[in-house]
Amino acid sequence: MATRSALINVMVRAAEKAARGLVRDFGEVEHLQVSRKGPADFVSAADMKAEKLLREELQKARPDFGFLMEETGASKGSDPTARWIVDPLDGTTNFLHGIPHWAISIAAEKNGEIVAGVVYEPVHDQMFWAEKGQGAFLNHQRLRVSERRNLADAVIATGIPFKGRGDHAGFLVEAEALMKEVAGIRRFGAASLDLAYVAAGRYDGYWERGLAPWDAAAGQLLVTEAGGFVGEIGGGRNPVFGGTILAANAHFHLPIAKILRGATERKVRSAPAGTAGAADAGQG
């Protein structure tokens, strides 16, 4: 049985406490007070409540840590080298539509490096967690990325740009290029869970553009600790803050990167003059 460190225990307890309120609200989703932040980008009373609770719980346990949170932004702690990166409700649109695929994501960053991550999916009580150098786990079971070697057998996850956000045409070029090579592409609407599923071997890979740090911070550690590879789509090595991410097992990471790079080059060549950078625009 995996032994959780004190740091992971702090994160797990905070996630479980916040989840109780979210699960209650999820059961009464039609009564939630909802306001619009932007096109197809909703924030609910449940989201704000969960973020407040997570901040209180994490601050109580580690008062010197700063925060980077989806709703309230960045704040410094007394230790400038340490902070929490938190998404209190990843998959808000799913949540608001009664779709049971959403999660709480918490990452601990020290000296610019993600050292621990938790992605909790409360509806099915799936606690994904990882600590740098200690492996990745689902509850108490060790996780490993898939061992598939044939791209034609692969199922790849992604995020699709939505109304008012991202490069829709560029995404379609990338998706079409990959569809010709893989068994299937999935879009479930929660980046942290997409990455957790790669770590668990459920997906063989995942790519997306336009991500925020709280979308990817915990999940990318899950993948690397489960033996996978994570980077930016264009080859950069900062997927948490670079805005794009490509995660896959060892056999698929380079082939998928090559397909996406080829798709981007075709998009650039076919773009009208002055729009060559369109394929690199962020996606929601």
C-alpha atoms as a PDB file:
ATOM      1  CA  MET A   1       0.000   0.000   0.000  1.00  0.00           C
ATOM      2  CA  ALA A   2       1.309   3.437  -0.928  1.00  0.00           C
ATOM      3  CA  THR A   3       2.298   5.707   1.946  1.00  0.00           C
ATOM      4  CA  ARG A   4       1.287   9.325   1.545  1.00  0.00           C
ATOM      5  CA  SER A   5       3.613  12.062   2.750  1.00  0.00           C
ATOM      6  CA  ALA A   6       2.462  14.844   5.091  1.00  0.00           C
ATOM      7  CA  LEU A   7       2.260  17.203   2.097  1.00  0.00           C
ATOM      8  CA  ILE A   8       0.039  14.836   0.092  1.00  0.00           C
ATOM      9  CA  ASN A   9      -2.154  14.247   3.146  1.00  0.00           C
ATOM     10  CA  VAL A  10      -2.733  17.997   3.458  1.00  0.00           C
ATOM     11  CA  MET A  11      -3.779  18.172  -0.199  1.00  0.00           C
ATOM     12  CA  VAL A  12      -5.984  15.063  -0.024  1.00  0.00           C
ATOM     13  CA  ARG A  13      -7.819  16.297   3.082  1.00  0.00           C
ATOM     14  CA  ALA A  14      -8.437  19.735   1.534  1.00  0.00           C
ATOM     15  CA  ALA A  15      -9.747  18.168  -1.691  1.00  0.00           C
ATOM     16  CA  GLU A  16     -12.044  15.784   0.185  1.00  0.00           C
ATOM     17  CA  LYS A  17     -13.449  18.595   2.330  1.00  0.00           C
ATOM     18  CA  ALA A  18     -14.141  20.835  -0.677  1.00  0.00           C
ATOM     19  CA  ALA A  19     -15.646  17.893  -2.548  1.00  0.00           C
ATOM     20  CA  ARG A  20     -18.388  17.380   0.027  1.00  0.00           C
ATOM     21  CA  GLY A  21     -19.919  20.782  -0.753  1.00  0.00           C
ATOM     22  CA  LEU A  22     -19.451  20.339  -4.496  1.00  0.00           C
ATOM     23  CA  VAL A  23     -21.165  16.942  -4.482  1.00  0.00           C
ATOM     24  CA  ARG A  24     -24.114  18.414  -2.585  1.00  0.00           C
ATOM     25  CA  ASP A  25     -24.393  21.266  -5.084  1.00  0.00           C
ATOM     26  CA  PHE A  26     -23.989  18.849  -7.996  1.00  0.00           C
ATOM     27  CA  GLY A  27     -27.052  17.003  -6.723  1.00  0.00           C
ATOM     28  CA  GLU A  28     -29.030  20.230  -6.967  1.00  0.00           C
ATOM     29  CA  VAL A  29     -27.388  21.588 -10.101  1.00  0.00           C
ATOM     30  CA  GLU A  30     -30.574  23.139 -11.440  1.00  0.00           C
ATOM     31  CA  HIS A  31     -30.776  25.455  -8.400  1.00  0.00           C
ATOM     32  CA  LEU A  32     -27.228  26.833  -8.619  1.00  0.00           C
ATOM     33  CA  GLN A  33     -26.738  30.558  -8.969  1.00  0.00           C
ATOM     34  CA  VAL A  34     -24.724  30.963 -12.143  1.00  0.00           C
ATOM     35  CA  SER A  35     -23.175  34.027 -13.715  1.00  0.00           C
ATOM     36  CA  ARG A  36     -21.271  34.399 -16.970  1.00  0.00           C
ATOM     37  CA  LYS A  37     -17.590  35.313 -17.013  1.00  0.00           C
ATOM     38  CA  GLY A  38     -17.397  35.214 -20.798  1.00  0.00           C
ATOM     39  CA  PRO A  39     -18.540  33.212 -23.812  1.00  0.00           C
ATOM     40  CA  ALA A  40     -19.239  29.648 -22.676  1.00  0.00           C
ATOM     41  CA  ASP A  41     -17.092  30.261 -19.588  1.00  0.00           C
ATOM     42  CA  PHE A  42     -19.269  29.875 -16.517  1.00  0.00           C
ATOM     43  CA  VAL A  43     -18.549  30.325 -12.863  1.00  0.00           C
ATOM     44  CA  SER A  44     -20.934  29.005 -10.235  1.00  0.00           C
ATOM     45  CA  ALA A  45     -21.561  29.738  -6.609  1.00  0.00           C
ATOM     46  CA  ALA A  46     -20.238  26.210  -5.945  1.00  0.00           C
ATOM     47  CA  ASP A  47     -16.938  27.036  -7.677  1.00  0.00           C
ATOM     48  CA  MET A  48     -16.328  30.139  -5.537  1.00  0.00           C
ATOM     49  CA  LYS A  49     -17.322  28.330  -2.336  1.00  0.00           C
ATOM     50  CA  ALA A  50     -14.908  25.469  -3.079  1.00  0.00           C
ATOM     51  CA  GLU A  51     -12.035  27.846  -3.822  1.00  0.00           C
ATOM     52  CA  LYS A  52     -12.586  29.715  -0.534  1.00  0.00           C
ATOM     53  CA  LEU A  53     -12.635  26.455   1.426  1.00  0.00           C
ATOM     54  CA  LEU A  54      -9.508  25.132  -0.305  1.00  0.00           C
ATOM     55  CA  ARG A  55      -7.640  28.363   0.399  1.00  0.00           C
ATOM     56  CA  GLU A  56      -8.600  28.209   4.087  1.00  0.00           C
ATOM     57  CA  GLU A  57      -7.635  24.544   4.477  1.00  0.00           C
ATOM     58  CA  LEU A  58      -4.328  24.790   2.618  1.00  0.00           C
ATOM     59  CA  GLN A  59      -3.376  28.043   4.342  1.00  0.00           C
ATOM     60  CA  LYS A  60      -4.089  26.508   7.744  1.00  0.00           C
ATOM     61  CA  ALA A  61      -1.753  23.594   6.985  1.00  0.00           C
ATOM     62  CA  ARG A  62       0.991  25.593   5.219  1.00  0.00           C
ATOM     63  CA  PRO A  63       0.619  29.276   6.222  1.00  0.00           C
ATOM     64  CA  ASP A  64       3.844  30.297   4.454  1.00  0.00           C
ATOM     65  CA  PHE A  65       2.711  29.148   0.974  1.00  0.00           C
ATOM     66  CA  GLY A  66       1.387  31.546  -1.644  1.00  0.00           C
ATOM     67  CA  PHE A  67      -1.467  30.788  -4.049  1.00  0.00           C
ATOM     68  CA  LEU A  68      -2.244  30.756  -7.753  1.00  0.00           C
ATOM     69  CA  MET A  69      -5.988  30.064  -8.065  1.00  0.00           C
ATOM     70  CA  GLU A  70      -8.384  30.107 -10.999  1.00  0.00           C
ATOM     71  CA  GLU A  71     -10.950  32.525  -9.583  1.00  0.00           C
ATOM     72  CA  THR A  72      -8.906  34.778  -7.274  1.00  0.00           C
ATOM     73  CA  GLY A  73      -5.540  34.806  -9.047  1.00  0.00           C
ATOM     74  CA  ALA A  74      -2.073  35.001  -7.486  1.00  0.00           C
ATOM     75  CA  SER A  75      -1.113  35.962  -3.948  1.00  0.00           C
ATOM     76  CA  LYS A  76       2.292  35.716  -2.252  1.00  0.00           C
ATOM     77  CA  GLY A  77       3.066  33.898   0.965  1.00  0.00           C
ATOM     78  CA  SER A  78       5.867  34.544   3.434  1.00  0.00           C
ATOM     79  CA  ASP A  79       7.906  31.865   1.622  1.00  0.00           C
ATOM     80  CA  PRO A  80       8.443  33.227  -1.919  1.00  0.00           C
ATOM     81  CA  THR A  81       9.641  29.806  -3.134  1.00  0.00           C
ATOM     82  CA  ALA A  82       6.446  27.883  -2.346  1.00  0.00           C
ATOM     83  CA  ARG A  83       2.841  28.134  -3.508  1.00  0.00           C
ATOM     84  CA  TRP A  84      -0.322  26.164  -4.215  1.00  0.00           C
ATOM     85  CA  ILE A  85      -1.723  26.079  -7.770  1.00  0.00           C
ATOM     86  CA  VAL A  86      -5.431  25.283  -7.528  1.00  0.00           C
ATOM     87  CA  ASP A  87      -8.432  24.699  -9.762  1.00  0.00           C
ATOM     88  CA  PRO A  88     -11.393  24.238  -7.390  1.00  0.00           C
ATOM     89  CA  LEU A  89     -13.676  22.900 -10.111  1.00  0.00           C
ATOM     90  CA  ASP A  90     -12.179  21.696 -13.380  1.00  0.00           C
ATOM     91  CA  GLY A  91     -15.000  20.838 -15.739  1.00  0.00           C
ATOM     92  CA  THR A  92     -17.404  23.620 -14.685  1.00  0.00           C
ATOM     93  CA  THR A  93     -19.531  23.278 -17.821  1.00  0.00           C
ATOM     94  CA  ASN A  94     -19.917  19.527 -17.205  1.00  0.00           C
ATOM     95  CA  PHE A  95     -20.850  20.271 -13.592  1.00  0.00           C
ATOM     96  CA  LEU A  96     -23.489  22.815 -14.550  1.00  0.00           C
ATOM     97  CA  HIS A  97     -25.047  20.420 -17.059  1.00  0.00           C
ATOM     98  CA  GLY A  98     -25.209  17.530 -14.607  1.00  0.00           C
ATOM     99  CA  ILE A  99     -22.440  15.562 -16.367  1.00  0.00           C
ATOM    100  CA  PRO A 100     -20.485  13.588 -13.710  1.00  0.00           C
ATOM    101  CA  HIS A 101     -17.017  14.343 -15.068  1.00  0.00           C
ATOM    102  CA  TRP A 102     -15.299  17.101 -13.076  1.00  0.00           C
ATOM    103  CA  ALA A 103     -12.497  17.344 -10.556  1.00  0.00           C
ATOM    104  CA  ILE A 104     -10.577  19.354  -7.980  1.00  0.00           C
ATOM    105  CA  SER A 105      -6.929  19.936  -8.912  1.00  0.00           C
ATOM    106  CA  ILE A 106      -4.235  20.968  -6.400  1.00  0.00           C
ATOM    107  CA  ALA A 107      -0.490  21.217  -7.080  1.00  0.00           C
ATOM    108  CA  ALA A 108       2.352  22.211  -4.768  1.00  0.00           C
ATOM    109  CA  GLU A 109       5.112  24.250  -6.413  1.00  0.00           C
ATOM    110  CA  LYS A 110       8.520  24.784  -4.815  1.00  0.00           C
ATOM    111  CA  ASN A 111      11.360  26.754  -6.386  1.00  0.00           C
ATOM    112  CA  GLY A 112       9.479  26.862  -9.687  1.00  0.00           C
ATOM    113  CA  GLU A 113       8.956  23.093  -9.823  1.00  0.00           C
ATOM    114  CA  ILE A 114       5.769  21.065  -9.267  1.00  0.00           C
ATOM    115  CA  VAL A 115       6.628  18.657  -6.453  1.00  0.00           C
ATOM    116  CA  ALA A 116       3.211  17.202  -5.590  1.00  0.00           C
ATOM    117  CA  GLY A 117      -0.194  16.982  -7.239  1.00  0.00           C
ATOM    118  CA  VAL A 118      -3.700  15.779  -6.456  1.00  0.00           C
ATOM    119  CA  VAL A 119      -6.617  15.420  -8.882  1.00  0.00           C
ATOM    120  CA  TYR A 120      -9.781  14.311  -7.099  1.00  0.00           C
ATOM    121  CA  GLU A 121     -12.859  13.124  -8.993  1.00  0.00           C
ATOM    122  CA  PRO A 122     -15.460  12.990  -6.200  1.00  0.00           C
ATOM    123  CA  VAL A 123     -18.458  11.445  -7.992  1.00  0.00           C
ATOM    124  CA  HIS A 124     -16.636   8.104  -8.277  1.00  0.00           C
ATOM    125  CA  ASP A 125     -14.217   8.768  -5.376  1.00  0.00           C
ATOM    126  CA  GLN A 126     -11.111   8.636  -7.580  1.00  0.00           C
ATOM    127  CA  MET A 127      -8.162  10.282  -5.821  1.00  0.00           C
ATOM    128  CA  PHE A 128      -5.229  10.577  -8.225  1.00  0.00           C
ATOM    129  CA  TRP A 129      -2.031  11.757  -6.546  1.00  0.00           C
ATOM    130  CA  ALA A 130       1.685  11.968  -7.177  1.00  0.00           C
ATOM    131  CA  GLU A 131       4.827  13.266  -5.524  1.00  0.00           C
ATOM    132  CA  LYS A 132       8.041  13.960  -7.385  1.00  0.00           C
ATOM    133  CA  GLY A 133      10.232  10.859  -7.392  1.00  0.00           C
ATOM    134  CA  GLN A 134       7.638   8.761  -5.541  1.00  0.00           C
ATOM    135  CA  GLY A 135       5.344   7.578  -8.354  1.00  0.00           C
ATOM    136  CA  ALA A 136       1.690   8.216  -9.213  1.00  0.00           C
ATOM    137  CA  PHE A 137      -1.326   6.533  -7.632  1.00  0.00           C
ATOM    138  CA  LEU A 138      -5.091   6.152  -7.889  1.00  0.00           C
ATOM    139  CA  ASN A 139      -6.231   5.859  -4.279  1.00  0.00           C
ATOM    140  CA  HIS A 140      -3.631   3.254  -3.170  1.00  0.00           C
ATOM    141  CA  GLN A 141      -2.960   1.622  -6.530  1.00  0.00           C
ATOM    142  CA  ARG A 142       0.239   2.436  -8.434  1.00  0.00           C
ATOM    143  CA  LEU A 143      -0.329   3.955 -11.872  1.00  0.00           C
ATOM    144  CA  ARG A 144       1.538   3.343 -15.110  1.00  0.00           C
ATOM    145  CA  VAL A 145       0.953   4.865 -18.524  1.00  0.00           C
ATOM    146  CA  SER A 146      -0.204   2.504 -21.250  1.00  0.00           C
ATOM    147  CA  GLU A 147       2.232   0.164 -23.006  1.00  0.00           C
ATOM    148  CA  ARG A 148       0.541   0.327 -26.415  1.00  0.00           C
ATOM    149  CA  ARG A 149       3.024   0.697 -29.253  1.00  0.00           C
ATOM    150  CA  ASN A 150       0.829   0.845 -32.349  1.00  0.00           C
ATOM    151  CA  LEU A 151      -0.609   4.309 -32.958  1.00  0.00           C
ATOM    152  CA  ALA A 152      -3.573   2.734 -34.760  1.00  0.00           C
ATOM    153  CA  ASP A 153      -4.649   1.285 -31.373  1.00  0.00           C
ATOM    154  CA  ALA A 154      -4.311   4.567 -29.493  1.00  0.00           C
ATOM    155  CA  VAL A 155      -7.105   6.642 -27.954  1.00  0.00           C
ATOM    156  CA  ILE A 156      -6.074  10.288 -27.643  1.00  0.00           C
ATOM    157  CA  ALA A 157      -7.810  12.985 -25.578  1.00  0.00           C
ATOM    158  CA  THR A 158      -7.997  16.692 -26.345  1.00  0.00           C
ATOM    159  CA  GLY A 159      -9.815  19.931 -25.598  1.00  0.00           C
ATOM    160  CA  ILE A 160     -11.884  21.576 -28.326  1.00  0.00           C
ATOM    161  CA  PRO A 161     -11.878  25.377 -28.587  1.00  0.00           C
ATOM    162  CA  PHE A 162     -15.282  26.801 -27.797  1.00  0.00           C
ATOM    163  CA  LYS A 163     -17.295  29.888 -28.661  1.00  0.00           C
ATOM    164  CA  GLY A 164     -15.179  33.030 -28.666  1.00  0.00           C
ATOM    165  CA  ARG A 165     -11.955  31.227 -27.714  1.00  0.00           C
ATOM    166  CA  GLY A 166      -9.056  29.680 -29.569  1.00  0.00           C
ATOM    167  CA  ASP A 167      -8.125  28.838 -33.132  1.00  0.00           C
ATOM    168  CA  HIS A 168     -10.986  26.658 -34.366  1.00  0.00           C
ATOM    169  CA  ALA A 169      -9.573  26.127 -37.850  1.00  0.00           C
ATOM    170  CA  GLY A 170      -6.155  25.211 -36.478  1.00  0.00           C
ATOM    171  CA  PHE A 171      -7.662  22.661 -34.123  1.00  0.00           C
ATOM    172  CA  LEU A 172      -9.591  21.019 -36.962  1.00  0.00           C
ATOM    173  CA  VAL A 173      -6.391  20.657 -38.997  1.00  0.00           C
ATOM    174  CA  GLU A 174      -4.649  18.977 -36.030  1.00  0.00           C
ATOM    175  CA  ALA A 175      -7.621  16.732 -35.223  1.00  0.00           C
ATOM    176  CA  GLU A 176      -7.988  15.622 -38.839  1.00  0.00           C
ATOM    177  CA  ALA A 177      -4.288  14.745 -39.043  1.00  0.00           C
ATOM    178  CA  LEU A 178      -4.491  12.620 -35.880  1.00  0.00           C
ATOM    179  CA  MET A 179      -7.854  11.015 -36.717  1.00  0.00           C
ATOM    180  CA  LYS A 180      -6.221   9.363 -39.728  1.00  0.00           C
ATOM    181  CA  GLU A 181      -3.652   7.664 -37.486  1.00  0.00           C
ATOM    182  CA  VAL A 182      -5.383   6.690 -34.220  1.00  0.00           C
ATOM    183  CA  ALA A 183      -8.258   4.517 -32.990  1.00  0.00           C
ATOM    184  CA  GLY A 184     -10.175   7.443 -31.552  1.00  0.00           C
ATOM    185  CA  ILE A 185     -10.144  10.993 -30.185  1.00  0.00           C
ATOM    186  CA  ARG A 186     -12.042  11.914 -27.024  1.00  0.00           C
ATOM    187  CA  ARG A 187     -13.103  15.264 -25.556  1.00  0.00           C
ATOM    188  CA  PHE A 188     -14.488  14.945 -22.007  1.00  0.00           C
ATOM    189  CA  GLY A 189     -14.079  18.548 -20.852  1.00  0.00           C
ATOM    190  CA  ALA A 190     -11.727  18.452 -17.835  1.00  0.00           C
ATOM    191  CA  ALA A 191      -8.002  18.819 -18.543  1.00  0.00           C
ATOM    192  CA  SER A 192      -6.859  17.590 -15.118  1.00  0.00           C
ATOM    193  CA  LEU A 193      -8.803  14.343 -15.577  1.00  0.00           C
ATOM    194  CA  ASP A 194      -7.537  13.927 -19.149  1.00  0.00           C
ATOM    195  CA  LEU A 195      -4.000  13.963 -17.746  1.00  0.00           C
ATOM    196  CA  ALA A 196      -4.941  11.650 -14.864  1.00  0.00           C
ATOM    197  CA  TYR A 197      -6.402   9.222 -17.402  1.00  0.00           C
ATOM    198  CA  VAL A 198      -3.143   9.268 -19.390  1.00  0.00           C
ATOM    199  CA  ALA A 199      -1.293   8.458 -16.147  1.00  0.00           C
ATOM    200  CA  ALA A 200      -3.705   5.581 -15.518  1.00  0.00           C
ATOM    201  CA  GLY A 201      -3.269   4.154 -19.039  1.00  0.00           C
ATOM    202  CA  ARG A 202      -6.903   4.848 -19.963  1.00  0.00           C
ATOM    203  CA  TYR A 203      -5.840   7.321 -22.648  1.00  0.00           C
ATOM    204  CA  ASP A 204      -2.638   6.848 -24.607  1.00  0.00           C
ATOM    205  CA  GLY A 205      -2.070  10.566 -25.067  1.00  0.00           C
ATOM    206  CA  TYR A 206      -3.522  14.050 -24.701  1.00  0.00           C
ATOM    207  CA  TRP A 207      -2.944  17.401 -26.388  1.00  0.00           C
ATOM    208  CA  GLU A 208      -4.473  20.833 -25.893  1.00  0.00           C
ATOM    209  CA  ARG A 209      -3.750  24.515 -26.473  1.00  0.00           C
ATOM    210  CA  GLY A 210      -4.690  27.543 -24.407  1.00  0.00           C
ATOM    211  CA  LEU A 211      -4.377  25.921 -20.974  1.00  0.00           C
ATOM    212  CA  ALA A 212      -3.859  27.846 -17.735  1.00  0.00           C
ATOM    213  CA  PRO A 213      -1.336  26.634 -15.101  1.00  0.00           C
ATOM    214  CA  TRP A 214      -4.093  25.323 -12.793  1.00  0.00           C
ATOM    215  CA  ASP A 215      -5.402  23.140 -15.642  1.00  0.00           C
ATOM    216  CA  ALA A 216      -2.135  21.264 -16.056  1.00  0.00           C
ATOM    217  CA  ALA A 217       0.029  21.592 -12.924  1.00  0.00           C
ATOM    218  CA  ALA A 218      -1.112  18.535 -10.952  1.00  0.00           C
ATOM    219  CA  GLY A 219      -1.980  16.381 -13.963  1.00  0.00           C
ATOM    220  CA  GLN A 220       1.351  16.697 -15.728  1.00  0.00           C
ATOM    221  CA  LEU A 221       3.140  15.432 -12.611  1.00  0.00           C
ATOM    222  CA  LEU A 222       0.798  12.430 -12.524  1.00  0.00           C
ATOM    223  CA  VAL A 223       1.826  11.554 -16.088  1.00  0.00           C
ATOM    224  CA  THR A 224       5.579  11.915 -15.586  1.00  0.00           C
ATOM    225  CA  GLU A 225       5.476   9.974 -12.301  1.00  0.00           C
ATOM    226  CA  ALA A 226       3.518   7.224 -14.094  1.00  0.00           C
ATOM    227  CA  GLY A 227       6.328   6.894 -16.655  1.00  0.00           C
ATOM    228  CA  GLY A 228       4.953   9.149 -19.382  1.00  0.00           C
ATOM    229  CA  PHE A 229       6.351  12.158 -21.224  1.00  0.00           C
ATOM    230  CA  VAL A 230       4.946  15.686 -21.024  1.00  0.00           C
ATOM    231  CA  GLY A 231       5.995  18.803 -22.934  1.00  0.00           C
ATOM    232  CA  GLU A 232       4.652  21.695 -24.934  1.00  0.00           C
ATOM    233  CA  ILE A 233       3.156  20.892 -28.334  1.00  0.00           C
ATOM    234  CA  GLY A 234       5.920  22.722 -30.177  1.00  0.00           C
ATOM    235  CA  GLY A 235       8.665  20.955 -28.225  1.00  0.00           C
ATOM    236  CA  GLY A 236       9.115  23.363 -25.303  1.00  0.00           C
ATOM    237  CA  ARG A 237       9.602  21.938 -21.837  1.00  0.00           C
ATOM    238  CA  ASN A 238       7.286  24.121 -19.765  1.00  0.00           C
ATOM    239  CA  PRO A 239       3.787  22.649 -20.211  1.00  0.00           C
ATOM    240  CA  VAL A 240       2.450  24.148 -16.970  1.00  0.00           C
ATOM    241  CA  PHE A 241       3.122  27.755 -17.945  1.00  0.00           C
ATOM    242  CA  GLY A 242       3.703  27.430 -21.704  1.00  0.00           C
ATOM    243  CA  GLY A 243      -0.003  27.367 -22.605  1.00  0.00           C
ATOM    244  CA  THR A 244       0.113  24.121 -24.617  1.00  0.00           C
ATOM    245  CA  ILE A 245       0.571  20.512 -23.561  1.00  0.00           C
ATOM    246  CA  LEU A 246       1.293  17.138 -25.110  1.00  0.00           C
ATOM    247  CA  ALA A 247       1.324  14.097 -22.817  1.00  0.00           C
ATOM    248  CA  ALA A 248       1.732  10.479 -23.904  1.00  0.00           C
ATOM    249  CA  ASN A 249       3.491   7.218 -23.240  1.00  0.00           C
ATOM    250  CA  ALA A 250       7.065   6.727 -24.377  1.00  0.00           C
ATOM    251  CA  HIS A 251       6.058   5.136 -27.693  1.00  0.00           C
ATOM    252  CA  PHE A 252       3.599   7.803 -28.824  1.00  0.00           C
ATOM    253  CA  HIS A 253       4.994  11.123 -27.627  1.00  0.00           C
ATOM    254  CA  LEU A 254       7.326  11.759 -30.569  1.00  0.00           C
ATOM    255  CA  PRO A 255       4.994  10.373 -33.290  1.00  0.00           C
ATOM    256  CA  ILE A 256       2.092  12.513 -32.052  1.00  0.00           C
ATOM    257  CA  ALA A 257       4.355  15.566 -31.825  1.00  0.00           C
ATOM    258  CA  LYS A 258       5.459  14.967 -35.415  1.00  0.00           C
ATOM    259  CA  ILE A 259       1.851  14.697 -36.652  1.00  0.00           C
ATOM    260  CA  LEU A 260       0.836  17.893 -34.837  1.00  0.00           C
ATOM    261  CA  ARG A 261       3.914  19.728 -36.117  1.00  0.00           C
ATOM    262  CA  GLY A 262       3.096  18.674 -39.677  1.00  0.00           C
ATOM    263  CA  ALA A 263      -0.497  19.838 -39.242  1.00  0.00           C
ATOM    264  CA  THR A 264       0.672  23.226 -37.974  1.00  0.00           C
ATOM    265  CA  GLU A 265       3.045  23.621 -40.917  1.00  0.00           C
ATOM    266  CA  ARG A 266       0.242  22.841 -43.368  1.00  0.00           C
ATOM    267  CA  LYS A 267      -2.011  25.363 -41.622  1.00  0.00           C
ATOM    268  CA  VAL A 268       0.681  28.058 -41.820  1.00  0.00           C
ATOM    269  CA  ARG A 269       1.375  27.361 -45.510  1.00  0.00           C
ATOM    270  CA  SER A 270      -2.324  27.588 -46.376  1.00  0.00           C
ATOM    271  CA  ALA A 271      -3.020  30.694 -44.261  1.00  0.00           C
ATOM    272  CA  PRO A 272      -3.550  34.056 -46.012  1.00  0.00           C
ATOM    273  CA  ALA A 273      -0.648  36.505 -45.802  1.00  0.00           C
ATOM    274  CA  GLY A 274      -0.384  38.115 -42.383  1.00  0.00           C
ATOM    275  CA  THR A 275      -2.129  35.283 -40.505  1.00  0.00           C
ATOM    276  CA  ALA A 276       0.720  32.760 -40.349  1.00  0.00           C
ATOM    277  CA  GLY A 277       0.687  32.761 -36.549  1.00  0.00           C
ATOM    278  CA  ALA A 278      -2.929  31.680 -36.332  1.00  0.00           C
ATOM    279  CA  ALA A 279      -2.145  28.029 -35.708  1.00  0.00           C
ATOM    280  CA  ASP A 280      -0.381  28.928 -32.481  1.00  0.00           C
ATOM    281  CA  ALA A 281      -3.269  30.909 -31.012  1.00  0.00           C
ATOM    282  CA  GLY A 282      -4.510  29.688 -27.644  1.00  0.00           C
ATOM    283  CA  GLN A 283      -7.544  27.443 -27.379  1.00  0.00           C
ATOM    284  CA  GLY A 284     -10.100  27.285 -24.628  1.00  0.00           C
END
